[in-house]
Amino acid sequence: MFEGKASSRADLKSGTLYAVAGEAQWIYYGQVTTDKRVGFFRRRDRDVASTTDILSTPPMAVIGVGYSSITRAMRSGSWSKLGRFELIRSLKEPWPMVQWPVGTLIVSVSDSDAQYDTRIEDPAIQNMEIAAIWDAEQDIPARLTADFGKEEAAWQIGGPVWRERRVREEYARRFPEAPWHQLPPDWVQTTFS
């Protein structure tokens, strides 16, 4: 979608703004945070918008993106650097993350200055991001479609706790004979909103 350049390299300095080629020819935008994650805005366009308009839009997710995959995405023309700007205020604040070890329902939450353990069905953590590294080209376009929430997203796209739980429930439903997809006996089914 953008002009790819073989010499492009990811810029992970805080405030760097990228345009990202998403699914169905949509363009999304992300700004690098102080912890080198990317805060994606709740905005999409068919043509690149002005940076003033982009930066006045609230963020919808802060995601860990593989650094080398950003370079690869820029070289292929999937991502384009728009410049470096003052980091928007809501991306300066910490965005909590949840670490969910395989085989357990106990998760570790990192929320600004507090760290604590809780169970995965805790209502207070359902919109928090599961700690993961996403590929800029292979994962981010589908992830942004899911986060934006206007079209039907692929069922296997996780991210926040509530959606990751839904993915695991669907794997268990689709593959009941696979022991690695079975849900623990104390799994709590929840209606997701």
Protein backbone atom coordinates (compact mmCIF):
# COMPACT_ATOMS: atom_id res chain seq x y z
CA MET A 1 0.00 0.00 0.00
CA PHE A 2 2.90 2.35 0.76
CA GLU A 3 6.19 2.67 -1.07
CA GLY A 4 8.58 0.11 0.34
CA LYS A 5 12.27 0.96 0.57
CA ALA A 6 14.99 -1.65 1.03
CA SER A 7 16.94 0.68 3.35
CA SER A 8 14.02 1.34 5.74
CA ARG A 9 14.54 0.63 9.43
CA ALA A 10 12.10 0.70 12.31
CA ASP A 11 12.28 3.78 14.51
CA LEU A 12 11.35 2.86 18.07
CA LYS A 13 11.86 6.25 19.66
CA SER A 14 8.92 7.41 21.71
CA GLY A 15 6.45 9.44 19.63
CA THR A 16 7.26 7.87 16.25
CA LEU A 17 4.03 7.70 14.25
CA TYR A 18 3.31 4.98 11.68
CA ALA A 19 0.60 4.43 9.11
CA VAL A 20 -0.29 0.74 8.83
CA ALA A 21 -1.91 -1.02 5.88
CA GLY A 22 -4.80 -3.00 7.34
CA GLU A 23 -7.33 -5.41 5.93
CA ALA A 24 -9.83 -4.29 3.24
CA GLN A 25 -7.58 -1.36 2.21
CA TRP A 26 -7.98 0.49 5.52
CA ILE A 27 -5.12 2.54 6.93
CA TYR A 28 -4.60 2.49 10.69
CA TYR A 29 -2.14 4.48 12.79
CA GLY A 30 0.16 3.68 15.67
CA GLN A 31 2.52 5.69 17.86
CA VAL A 32 5.51 4.22 19.69
CA THR A 33 5.24 4.52 23.48
CA THR A 34 8.03 5.07 26.00
CA ASP A 35 8.20 1.31 26.64
CA LYS A 36 8.54 0.63 22.87
CA ARG A 37 5.06 -0.81 22.45
CA VAL A 38 2.78 0.66 19.80
CA GLY A 39 -0.41 2.50 20.72
CA PHE A 40 -2.93 2.12 17.89
CA PHE A 41 -5.59 4.79 17.43
CA ARG A 42 -9.34 4.21 17.07
CA ARG A 43 -9.25 5.64 13.58
CA ARG A 44 -8.96 4.31 10.08
CA ASP A 45 -9.01 5.96 6.68
CA ARG A 46 -8.74 5.11 3.00
CA ASP A 47 -6.06 7.78 2.52
CA VAL A 48 -3.47 8.91 5.07
CA ALA A 49 -5.00 11.56 7.34
CA SER A 50 -3.27 14.62 8.71
CA THR A 51 -1.08 13.99 11.73
CA THR A 52 -3.12 16.54 13.71
CA ASP A 53 -6.31 14.53 13.09
CA ILE A 54 -4.57 11.23 13.86
CA LEU A 55 -3.06 12.43 17.13
CA SER A 56 -6.38 13.87 18.33
CA THR A 57 -7.99 10.41 18.14
CA PRO A 58 -8.12 8.26 21.29
CA PRO A 59 -6.07 5.06 21.34
CA MET A 60 -7.82 1.67 21.20
CA ALA A 61 -4.95 -0.68 22.13
CA VAL A 62 -1.30 -0.72 23.13
CA ILE A 63 0.42 -3.76 21.64
CA GLY A 64 3.89 -5.27 21.70
CA VAL A 65 5.09 -5.49 18.09
CA GLY A 66 8.25 -7.34 17.08
CA TYR A 67 10.91 -4.74 16.26
CA SER A 68 12.40 -6.61 13.31
CA SER A 69 8.93 -7.18 11.88
CA ILE A 70 8.36 -3.40 11.75
CA THR A 71 11.51 -3.04 9.64
CA ARG A 72 10.31 -5.84 7.37
CA ALA A 73 6.85 -4.23 7.12
CA MET A 74 8.38 -0.87 6.17
CA ARG A 75 10.55 -2.49 3.51
CA SER A 76 7.54 -4.27 2.00
CA GLY A 77 5.34 -1.15 2.09
CA SER A 78 2.93 -2.43 4.77
CA TRP A 79 3.98 0.24 7.27
CA SER A 80 5.08 3.83 6.63
CA LYS A 81 6.74 6.22 9.04
CA LEU A 82 4.91 9.55 9.25
CA GLY A 83 7.42 11.22 11.58
CA ARG A 84 8.05 11.74 15.27
CA PHE A 85 5.66 13.81 17.38
CA GLU A 86 4.93 14.53 21.01
CA LEU A 87 3.53 11.34 22.53
CA ILE A 88 -0.18 11.83 23.22
CA ARG A 89 -1.04 12.09 26.91
CA SER A 90 -3.09 8.87 27.14
CA LEU A 91 -0.13 6.90 25.75
CA LYS A 92 2.19 8.41 28.37
CA GLU A 93 0.15 6.69 31.06
CA PRO A 94 0.91 3.01 31.71
CA TRP A 95 -1.36 0.51 29.96
CA PRO A 96 -1.79 -2.59 32.14
CA MET A 97 -0.78 -6.00 30.84
CA VAL A 98 -1.57 -9.55 31.90
CA GLN A 99 0.82 -12.49 31.77
CA TRP A 100 -1.06 -15.75 31.35
CA PRO A 101 1.21 -18.78 31.79
CA VAL A 102 0.23 -21.90 29.85
CA GLY A 103 -1.78 -24.45 31.82
CA THR A 104 -3.00 -22.17 34.59
CA LEU A 105 -5.92 -19.86 35.31
CA ILE A 106 -3.82 -17.68 37.62
CA VAL A 107 -2.47 -14.62 35.83
CA SER A 108 -0.02 -11.88 36.78
CA VAL A 109 -1.20 -8.32 36.26
CA SER A 110 1.20 -5.39 35.81
CA ASP A 111 -0.87 -2.27 36.40
CA SER A 112 1.18 0.97 36.67
CA ASP A 113 2.85 0.69 40.07
CA ALA A 114 1.04 -2.46 41.26
CA GLN A 115 1.66 -6.09 40.40
CA TYR A 116 -0.67 -8.79 41.60
CA ASP A 117 -2.03 -12.23 40.77
CA THR A 118 -5.67 -13.00 40.06
CA ARG A 119 -7.78 -15.50 38.12
CA ILE A 120 -8.38 -15.10 34.41
CA GLU A 121 -12.14 -14.52 34.82
CA ASP A 122 -11.60 -11.50 37.12
CA PRO A 123 -13.95 -8.82 35.66
CA ALA A 124 -11.42 -6.07 36.42
CA ILE A 125 -8.88 -7.41 33.92
CA GLN A 126 -11.05 -8.39 30.94
CA ASN A 127 -10.01 -5.42 28.78
CA MET A 128 -6.31 -5.64 29.67
CA GLU A 129 -3.85 -6.80 27.02
CA ILE A 130 -2.31 -10.27 27.23
CA ALA A 131 1.48 -9.83 27.10
CA ALA A 132 2.60 -10.98 23.64
CA ILE A 133 4.68 -9.89 20.68
CA TRP A 134 2.75 -9.48 17.43
CA ASP A 135 4.22 -9.54 13.91
CA ALA A 136 3.78 -6.21 12.09
CA GLU A 137 2.84 -7.79 8.75
CA GLN A 138 1.34 -11.17 9.62
CA ASP A 139 -0.65 -10.35 12.76
CA ILE A 140 -1.31 -6.63 13.10
CA PRO A 141 -3.75 -6.12 10.15
CA ALA A 142 -6.17 -8.79 11.46
CA ARG A 143 -5.64 -7.61 15.04
CA LEU A 144 -6.56 -4.03 14.11
CA THR A 145 -9.73 -5.26 12.37
CA ALA A 146 -10.67 -7.15 15.53
CA ASP A 147 -9.90 -4.18 17.80
CA PHE A 148 -11.76 -1.68 15.63
CA GLY A 149 -14.81 -3.94 15.87
CA LYS A 150 -16.87 -2.89 12.84
CA GLU A 151 -16.41 -6.06 10.76
CA GLU A 152 -16.43 -9.71 11.73
CA ALA A 153 -12.92 -10.59 12.90
CA ALA A 154 -11.20 -13.93 12.46
CA TRP A 155 -12.17 -16.11 15.44
CA GLN A 156 -8.56 -16.90 16.41
CA ILE A 157 -7.48 -13.28 16.97
CA GLY A 158 -6.75 -12.73 20.65
CA GLY A 159 -5.35 -9.68 22.42
CA PRO A 160 -7.31 -8.49 25.43
CA VAL A 161 -8.16 -11.06 28.10
CA TRP A 162 -11.85 -11.41 27.13
CA ARG A 163 -11.00 -12.14 23.50
CA GLU A 164 -8.15 -14.51 24.37
CA ARG A 165 -10.55 -16.44 26.61
CA ARG A 166 -13.04 -16.67 23.75
CA VAL A 167 -10.28 -18.03 21.46
CA ARG A 168 -9.34 -20.73 23.97
CA GLU A 169 -12.99 -21.73 24.38
CA GLU A 170 -13.36 -21.99 20.61
CA TYR A 171 -10.21 -24.13 20.30
CA ALA A 172 -11.63 -26.45 22.97
CA ARG A 173 -14.94 -26.66 21.09
CA ARG A 174 -13.34 -27.28 17.68
CA PHE A 175 -10.73 -29.76 18.86
CA PRO A 176 -12.28 -31.70 21.78
CA GLU A 177 -9.88 -34.65 21.36
CA ALA A 178 -6.72 -32.53 21.58
CA PRO A 179 -5.54 -32.52 25.22
CA TRP A 180 -3.62 -29.24 24.74
CA HIS A 181 -6.90 -27.49 23.84
CA GLN A 182 -8.99 -28.85 26.70
CA LEU A 183 -10.10 -26.31 29.27
CA PRO A 184 -9.15 -26.85 32.93
CA PRO A 185 -11.93 -28.35 35.08
CA ASP A 186 -12.33 -25.10 37.05
CA TRP A 187 -12.67 -22.93 33.89
CA VAL A 188 -15.44 -20.37 34.39
CA GLN A 189 -17.59 -19.71 31.29
CA THR A 190 -18.53 -16.05 31.03
CA THR A 191 -20.76 -14.15 28.67
CA PHE A 192 -18.57 -11.63 26.89
CA SER A 193 -19.79 -8.18 25.94
